[in-house]
Amino acid sequence: MPIIKSAKKRVRVASKAATRNSKTKRSLRTAIKSFHASITGKNADKAQSEIDKAVKKGVIHKNKAARKKRQLAAAAKKAGTKPAKKTATKKVVTKKAPAKKPVAKKPAAKKPATKK
């Protein structure tokens, strides 16, 4: 066991990260196995989603994710079913307010000299 306070904290942080990563890896493997067990579009989407989540969390490398997704697609194609494509959601384009022209400030009026 570490003695230094910062080392103790690193042990706690590393333990939490290892738990989080192992859960992500487990869900990834489960999704891929369920996909291979019954090749349907729904399972393919779930498996691809889990792969994307793992990449986002830094558990697996993006190139490995691309390779896994390609393998899933090839398996689905070989089985004769296409993975269901996610419906593209339309992005709402908001128009920006027209840029206001800078208004030139009028010079301040000179005050008349005070009478004494």
N, C-alpha and C. Protein backbone atom coordinates (compact mmCIF):
# COMPACT_ATOMS: atom_id res chain seq x y z
N MET A 1 0.85 -1.19 0.00
CA MET A 1 0.00 0.00 0.00
C MET A 1 0.88 1.24 0.00
N PRO A 2 0.46 2.24 -0.76
CA PRO A 2 1.24 3.47 -0.80
C PRO A 2 1.11 4.25 0.51
N ILE A 3 2.12 5.03 0.77
CA ILE A 3 2.13 5.84 1.99
C ILE A 3 1.78 7.28 1.67
N ILE A 4 2.24 7.75 0.54
CA ILE A 4 2.04 9.15 0.15
C ILE A 4 0.58 9.37 -0.24
N LYS A 5 0.07 10.51 0.15
CA LYS A 5 -1.34 10.84 -0.06
C LYS A 5 -1.72 10.82 -1.55
N SER A 6 -0.88 11.40 -2.40
CA SER A 6 -1.20 11.45 -3.83
C SER A 6 -1.19 10.05 -4.44
N ALA A 7 -0.30 9.18 -3.94
CA ALA A 7 -0.24 7.81 -4.45
C ALA A 7 -1.49 7.04 -4.04
N LYS A 8 -1.99 7.32 -2.83
CA LYS A 8 -3.23 6.68 -2.39
C LYS A 8 -4.38 7.08 -3.30
N LYS A 9 -4.42 8.35 -3.66
CA LYS A 9 -5.48 8.84 -4.54
C LYS A 9 -5.37 8.19 -5.91
N ARG A 10 -4.15 8.05 -6.43
CA ARG A 10 -3.97 7.43 -7.74
C ARG A 10 -4.49 5.99 -7.74
N VAL A 11 -4.30 5.28 -6.61
CA VAL A 11 -4.80 3.91 -6.49
C VAL A 11 -6.32 3.91 -6.58
N ARG A 12 -6.97 4.86 -5.88
CA ARG A 12 -8.44 4.95 -5.92
C ARG A 12 -8.92 5.29 -7.33
N VAL A 13 -8.29 6.27 -7.96
CA VAL A 13 -8.70 6.71 -9.30
C VAL A 13 -8.50 5.59 -10.31
N ALA A 14 -7.37 4.90 -10.22
CA ALA A 14 -7.08 3.82 -11.15
C ALA A 14 -8.08 2.67 -10.97
N SER A 15 -8.46 2.42 -9.74
CA SER A 15 -9.43 1.36 -9.47
C SER A 15 -10.79 1.69 -10.09
N LYS A 16 -11.22 2.94 -9.93
CA LYS A 16 -12.50 3.37 -10.51
C LYS A 16 -12.47 3.29 -12.03
N ALA A 17 -11.36 3.71 -12.61
CA ALA A 17 -11.22 3.69 -14.07
C ALA A 17 -11.22 2.25 -14.58
N ALA A 18 -10.54 1.36 -13.87
CA ALA A 18 -10.48 -0.04 -14.29
C ALA A 18 -11.87 -0.67 -14.25
N THR A 19 -12.64 -0.34 -13.23
CA THR A 19 -14.01 -0.85 -13.12
C THR A 19 -14.87 -0.34 -14.27
N ARG A 20 -14.76 0.96 -14.54
CA ARG A 20 -15.54 1.58 -15.61
C ARG A 20 -15.17 0.98 -16.97
N ASN A 21 -13.88 0.82 -17.20
CA ASN A 21 -13.42 0.26 -18.47
C ASN A 21 -13.86 -1.19 -18.64
N SER A 22 -13.80 -1.97 -17.56
CA SER A 22 -14.18 -3.37 -17.66
C SER A 22 -15.68 -3.51 -17.95
N LYS A 23 -16.50 -2.60 -17.39
CA LYS A 23 -17.93 -2.63 -17.68
C LYS A 23 -18.18 -2.32 -19.15
N THR A 24 -17.46 -1.33 -19.67
CA THR A 24 -17.63 -0.97 -21.07
C THR A 24 -17.20 -2.11 -21.98
N LYS A 25 -16.08 -2.74 -21.67
CA LYS A 25 -15.60 -3.87 -22.47
C LYS A 25 -16.58 -5.04 -22.42
N ARG A 26 -17.14 -5.29 -21.24
CA ARG A 26 -18.08 -6.41 -21.08
C ARG A 26 -19.32 -6.15 -21.91
N SER A 27 -19.87 -4.93 -21.86
CA SER A 27 -21.07 -4.63 -22.64
C SER A 27 -20.78 -4.71 -24.14
N LEU A 28 -19.56 -4.33 -24.52
CA LEU A 28 -19.16 -4.42 -25.92
C LEU A 28 -19.12 -5.87 -26.38
N ARG A 29 -18.49 -6.71 -25.60
CA ARG A 29 -18.39 -8.13 -25.96
C ARG A 29 -19.77 -8.80 -25.99
N THR A 30 -20.62 -8.43 -25.03
CA THR A 30 -21.96 -9.00 -24.98
C THR A 30 -22.76 -8.62 -26.21
N ALA A 31 -22.66 -7.36 -26.61
CA ALA A 31 -23.40 -6.89 -27.78
C ALA A 31 -22.92 -7.59 -29.05
N ILE A 32 -21.62 -7.77 -29.18
CA ILE A 32 -21.08 -8.44 -30.37
C ILE A 32 -21.49 -9.91 -30.39
N LYS A 33 -21.47 -10.57 -29.23
CA LYS A 33 -21.87 -11.98 -29.18
C LYS A 33 -23.35 -12.13 -29.50
N SER A 34 -24.19 -11.22 -28.99
CA SER A 34 -25.62 -11.31 -29.28
C SER A 34 -25.88 -11.05 -30.75
N PHE A 35 -25.07 -10.19 -31.36
CA PHE A 35 -25.20 -9.94 -32.79
C PHE A 35 -24.91 -11.20 -33.58
N HIS A 36 -23.82 -11.88 -33.24
CA HIS A 36 -23.45 -13.09 -33.96
C HIS A 36 -24.44 -14.23 -33.69
N ALA A 37 -25.04 -14.23 -32.49
CA ALA A 37 -26.00 -15.29 -32.18
C ALA A 37 -27.24 -15.18 -33.06
N SER A 38 -27.73 -13.99 -33.22
CA SER A 38 -28.90 -13.80 -34.09
C SER A 38 -28.66 -12.55 -34.91
N ILE A 39 -28.31 -12.73 -36.15
CA ILE A 39 -27.95 -11.59 -37.00
C ILE A 39 -29.23 -10.91 -37.47
N THR A 40 -29.50 -9.77 -36.84
CA THR A 40 -30.62 -8.94 -37.27
C THR A 40 -30.15 -7.49 -37.27
N GLY A 41 -30.92 -6.65 -37.91
CA GLY A 41 -30.55 -5.25 -38.00
C GLY A 41 -30.52 -4.57 -36.65
N LYS A 42 -31.45 -4.98 -35.76
CA LYS A 42 -31.53 -4.35 -34.45
C LYS A 42 -30.27 -4.61 -33.63
N ASN A 43 -29.83 -5.87 -33.63
CA ASN A 43 -28.63 -6.21 -32.88
C ASN A 43 -27.39 -5.56 -33.49
N ALA A 44 -27.39 -5.39 -34.79
CA ALA A 44 -26.25 -4.75 -35.44
C ALA A 44 -26.12 -3.31 -34.98
N ASP A 45 -27.26 -2.63 -34.91
CA ASP A 45 -27.23 -1.24 -34.46
C ASP A 45 -26.73 -1.14 -33.03
N LYS A 46 -27.18 -2.08 -32.19
CA LYS A 46 -26.75 -2.05 -30.79
C LYS A 46 -25.26 -2.32 -30.68
N ALA A 47 -24.77 -3.28 -31.46
CA ALA A 47 -23.35 -3.61 -31.42
C ALA A 47 -22.52 -2.43 -31.90
N GLN A 48 -22.95 -1.80 -32.98
CA GLN A 48 -22.21 -0.64 -33.49
C GLN A 48 -22.24 0.51 -32.50
N SER A 49 -23.37 0.67 -31.83
CA SER A 49 -23.49 1.72 -30.82
C SER A 49 -22.52 1.47 -29.66
N GLU A 50 -22.44 0.21 -29.21
CA GLU A 50 -21.53 -0.13 -28.12
C GLU A 50 -20.07 0.10 -28.54
N ILE A 51 -19.76 -0.20 -29.79
CA ILE A 51 -18.40 0.04 -30.28
C ILE A 51 -18.09 1.53 -30.25
N ASP A 52 -19.04 2.33 -30.70
CA ASP A 52 -18.83 3.78 -30.70
C ASP A 52 -18.66 4.33 -29.29
N LYS A 53 -19.43 3.79 -28.34
CA LYS A 53 -19.31 4.23 -26.95
C LYS A 53 -17.93 3.89 -26.39
N ALA A 54 -17.45 2.69 -26.72
CA ALA A 54 -16.14 2.27 -26.23
C ALA A 54 -15.04 3.18 -26.76
N VAL A 55 -15.17 3.60 -28.02
CA VAL A 55 -14.18 4.50 -28.60
C VAL A 55 -14.25 5.86 -27.90
N LYS A 56 -15.45 6.33 -27.69
CA LYS A 56 -15.64 7.64 -27.07
C LYS A 56 -15.05 7.67 -25.67
N LYS A 57 -15.16 6.56 -24.95
CA LYS A 57 -14.64 6.49 -23.59
C LYS A 57 -13.15 6.16 -23.56
N GLY A 58 -12.58 5.89 -24.72
CA GLY A 58 -11.15 5.62 -24.78
C GLY A 58 -10.77 4.21 -24.42
N VAL A 59 -11.72 3.29 -24.45
CA VAL A 59 -11.44 1.90 -24.09
C VAL A 59 -10.77 1.16 -25.23
N ILE A 60 -11.23 1.42 -26.47
CA ILE A 60 -10.60 0.80 -27.62
C ILE A 60 -10.19 1.88 -28.61
N HIS A 61 -9.27 1.54 -29.49
CA HIS A 61 -8.76 2.50 -30.48
C HIS A 61 -9.75 2.64 -31.61
N LYS A 62 -9.76 3.81 -32.23
CA LYS A 62 -10.74 4.07 -33.29
C LYS A 62 -10.55 3.15 -34.50
N ASN A 63 -9.31 2.77 -34.78
CA ASN A 63 -9.08 1.87 -35.91
C ASN A 63 -9.60 0.46 -35.61
N LYS A 64 -9.47 0.04 -34.36
CA LYS A 64 -10.02 -1.27 -33.98
C LYS A 64 -11.53 -1.23 -34.09
N ALA A 65 -12.13 -0.11 -33.70
CA ALA A 65 -13.58 0.03 -33.79
C ALA A 65 -14.04 -0.05 -35.25
N ALA A 66 -13.30 0.61 -36.13
CA ALA A 66 -13.65 0.58 -37.55
C ALA A 66 -13.55 -0.84 -38.08
N ARG A 67 -12.52 -1.56 -37.65
CA ARG A 67 -12.34 -2.94 -38.09
C ARG A 67 -13.49 -3.83 -37.59
N LYS A 68 -13.88 -3.66 -36.33
CA LYS A 68 -14.97 -4.46 -35.76
C LYS A 68 -16.29 -4.17 -36.47
N LYS A 69 -16.56 -2.90 -36.74
CA LYS A 69 -17.79 -2.53 -37.42
C LYS A 69 -17.82 -3.10 -38.84
N ARG A 70 -16.66 -3.08 -39.49
CA ARG A 70 -16.56 -3.65 -40.83
C ARG A 70 -16.83 -5.15 -40.77
N GLN A 71 -16.30 -5.83 -39.77
CA GLN A 71 -16.52 -7.27 -39.62
C GLN A 71 -17.99 -7.59 -39.37
N LEU A 72 -18.65 -6.75 -38.56
CA LEU A 72 -20.07 -6.95 -38.29
C LEU A 72 -20.89 -6.78 -39.57
N ALA A 73 -20.55 -5.76 -40.33
CA ALA A 73 -21.28 -5.51 -41.58
C ALA A 73 -21.07 -6.66 -42.56
N ALA A 74 -19.84 -7.18 -42.62
CA ALA A 74 -19.55 -8.30 -43.53
C ALA A 74 -20.31 -9.55 -43.10
N ALA A 75 -20.40 -9.78 -41.80
CA ALA A 75 -21.12 -10.95 -41.29
C ALA A 75 -22.61 -10.83 -41.60
N ALA A 76 -23.14 -9.62 -41.45
CA ALA A 76 -24.55 -9.40 -41.74
C ALA A 76 -24.83 -9.59 -43.22
N LYS A 77 -23.93 -9.11 -44.06
CA LYS A 77 -24.10 -9.24 -45.50
C LYS A 77 -24.03 -10.71 -45.91
N LYS A 78 -23.11 -11.43 -45.30
CA LYS A 78 -22.97 -12.86 -45.61
C LYS A 78 -24.21 -13.63 -45.19
N ALA A 79 -24.83 -13.22 -44.09
CA ALA A 79 -26.04 -13.88 -43.62
C ALA A 79 -27.26 -13.49 -44.45
N GLY A 80 -27.12 -12.44 -45.24
CA GLY A 80 -28.21 -12.05 -46.11
C GLY A 80 -29.10 -10.97 -45.54
N THR A 81 -28.70 -10.38 -44.43
CA THR A 81 -29.47 -9.28 -43.86
C THR A 81 -28.59 -8.05 -43.80
N LYS A 82 -29.18 -6.93 -44.13
CA LYS A 82 -28.43 -5.69 -44.03
C LYS A 82 -28.70 -5.08 -42.66
N PRO A 83 -27.69 -4.54 -42.03
CA PRO A 83 -27.95 -3.86 -40.77
C PRO A 83 -28.79 -2.63 -41.04
N ALA A 84 -29.77 -2.42 -40.19
CA ALA A 84 -30.66 -1.28 -40.38
C ALA A 84 -29.88 0.00 -40.19
N LYS A 85 -30.03 0.89 -41.15
CA LYS A 85 -29.33 2.16 -41.05
C LYS A 85 -30.10 3.07 -40.12
N LYS A 86 -29.37 3.84 -39.37
CA LYS A 86 -30.01 4.81 -38.50
C LYS A 86 -30.63 5.89 -39.37
N THR A 87 -31.81 6.30 -38.99
CA THR A 87 -32.46 7.35 -39.76
C THR A 87 -31.74 8.65 -39.52
N ALA A 88 -31.45 9.31 -40.58
CA ALA A 88 -30.74 10.58 -40.47
C ALA A 88 -31.70 11.62 -39.93
N THR A 89 -31.32 12.22 -38.85
CA THR A 89 -32.15 13.27 -38.29
C THR A 89 -31.75 14.58 -38.95
N LYS A 90 -32.76 15.33 -39.30
CA LYS A 90 -32.48 16.60 -39.93
C LYS A 90 -31.96 17.57 -38.89
N LYS A 91 -30.91 18.21 -39.25
CA LYS A 91 -30.36 19.21 -38.35
C LYS A 91 -31.13 20.50 -38.57
N VAL A 92 -31.54 21.08 -37.48
CA VAL A 92 -32.28 22.33 -37.58
C VAL A 92 -31.28 23.44 -37.78
N VAL A 93 -31.41 24.10 -38.90
CA VAL A 93 -30.50 25.20 -39.20
C VAL A 93 -31.16 26.48 -38.75
N THR A 94 -30.55 27.08 -37.78
CA THR A 94 -31.11 28.33 -37.30
C THR A 94 -30.39 29.46 -38.00
N LYS A 95 -31.17 30.39 -38.46
CA LYS A 95 -30.58 31.52 -39.14
C LYS A 95 -30.03 32.48 -38.11
N LYS A 96 -28.85 32.91 -38.37
CA LYS A 96 -28.25 33.87 -37.47
C LYS A 96 -28.88 35.23 -37.73
N ALA A 97 -28.98 36.00 -36.68
CA ALA A 97 -29.53 37.33 -36.84
C ALA A 97 -28.59 38.12 -37.74
N PRO A 98 -29.15 38.91 -38.65
CA PRO A 98 -28.28 39.67 -39.54
C PRO A 98 -27.36 40.57 -38.73
N ALA A 99 -26.14 40.64 -39.18
CA ALA A 99 -25.15 41.44 -38.46
C ALA A 99 -25.56 42.90 -38.52
N LYS A 100 -25.55 43.52 -37.36
CA LYS A 100 -25.92 44.92 -37.31
C LYS A 100 -24.73 45.75 -37.74
N LYS A 101 -25.04 46.76 -38.52
CA LYS A 101 -23.97 47.65 -38.97
C LYS A 101 -23.55 48.50 -37.79
N PRO A 102 -22.27 48.68 -37.63
CA PRO A 102 -21.83 49.52 -36.51
C PRO A 102 -22.33 50.95 -36.72
N VAL A 103 -22.92 51.46 -35.68
CA VAL A 103 -23.45 52.82 -35.75
C VAL A 103 -22.35 53.78 -35.32
N ALA A 104 -22.08 54.73 -36.19
CA ALA A 104 -21.05 55.71 -35.87
C ALA A 104 -21.60 56.64 -34.79
N LYS A 105 -20.83 56.76 -33.73
CA LYS A 105 -21.28 57.63 -32.64
C LYS A 105 -21.02 59.08 -33.01
N LYS A 106 -22.01 59.88 -32.68
CA LYS A 106 -21.85 61.31 -32.94
C LYS A 106 -20.93 61.87 -31.87
N PRO A 107 -20.11 62.82 -32.28
CA PRO A 107 -19.25 63.42 -31.26
C PRO A 107 -20.11 64.19 -30.25
N ALA A 108 -19.67 64.17 -29.03
CA ALA A 108 -20.42 64.84 -27.98
C ALA A 108 -20.45 66.34 -28.26
N ALA A 109 -21.62 66.94 -28.03
CA ALA A 109 -21.76 68.39 -28.26
C ALA A 109 -20.93 69.13 -27.25
N LYS A 110 -20.28 70.19 -27.71
CA LYS A 110 -19.46 70.96 -26.81
C LYS A 110 -20.35 71.83 -25.93
N LYS A 111 -20.00 71.82 -24.66
CA LYS A 111 -20.79 72.63 -23.71
C LYS A 111 -20.28 74.06 -23.76
N PRO A 112 -21.23 74.99 -23.66
CA PRO A 112 -20.76 76.39 -23.64
C PRO A 112 -19.99 76.67 -22.36
N ALA A 113 -19.08 77.56 -22.47
CA ALA A 113 -18.27 77.92 -21.29
C ALA A 113 -19.16 78.50 -20.24
N THR A 114 -18.88 78.20 -19.00
CA THR A 114 -19.69 78.71 -17.90
C THR A 114 -19.36 80.17 -17.64
N LYS A 115 -20.38 80.94 -17.33
CA LYS A 115 -20.17 82.37 -17.06
C LYS A 115 -19.84 82.53 -15.60
N LYS A 116 -18.89 83.39 -15.34
CA LYS A 116 -18.51 83.64 -13.96
C LYS A 116 -18.88 85.01 -13.55
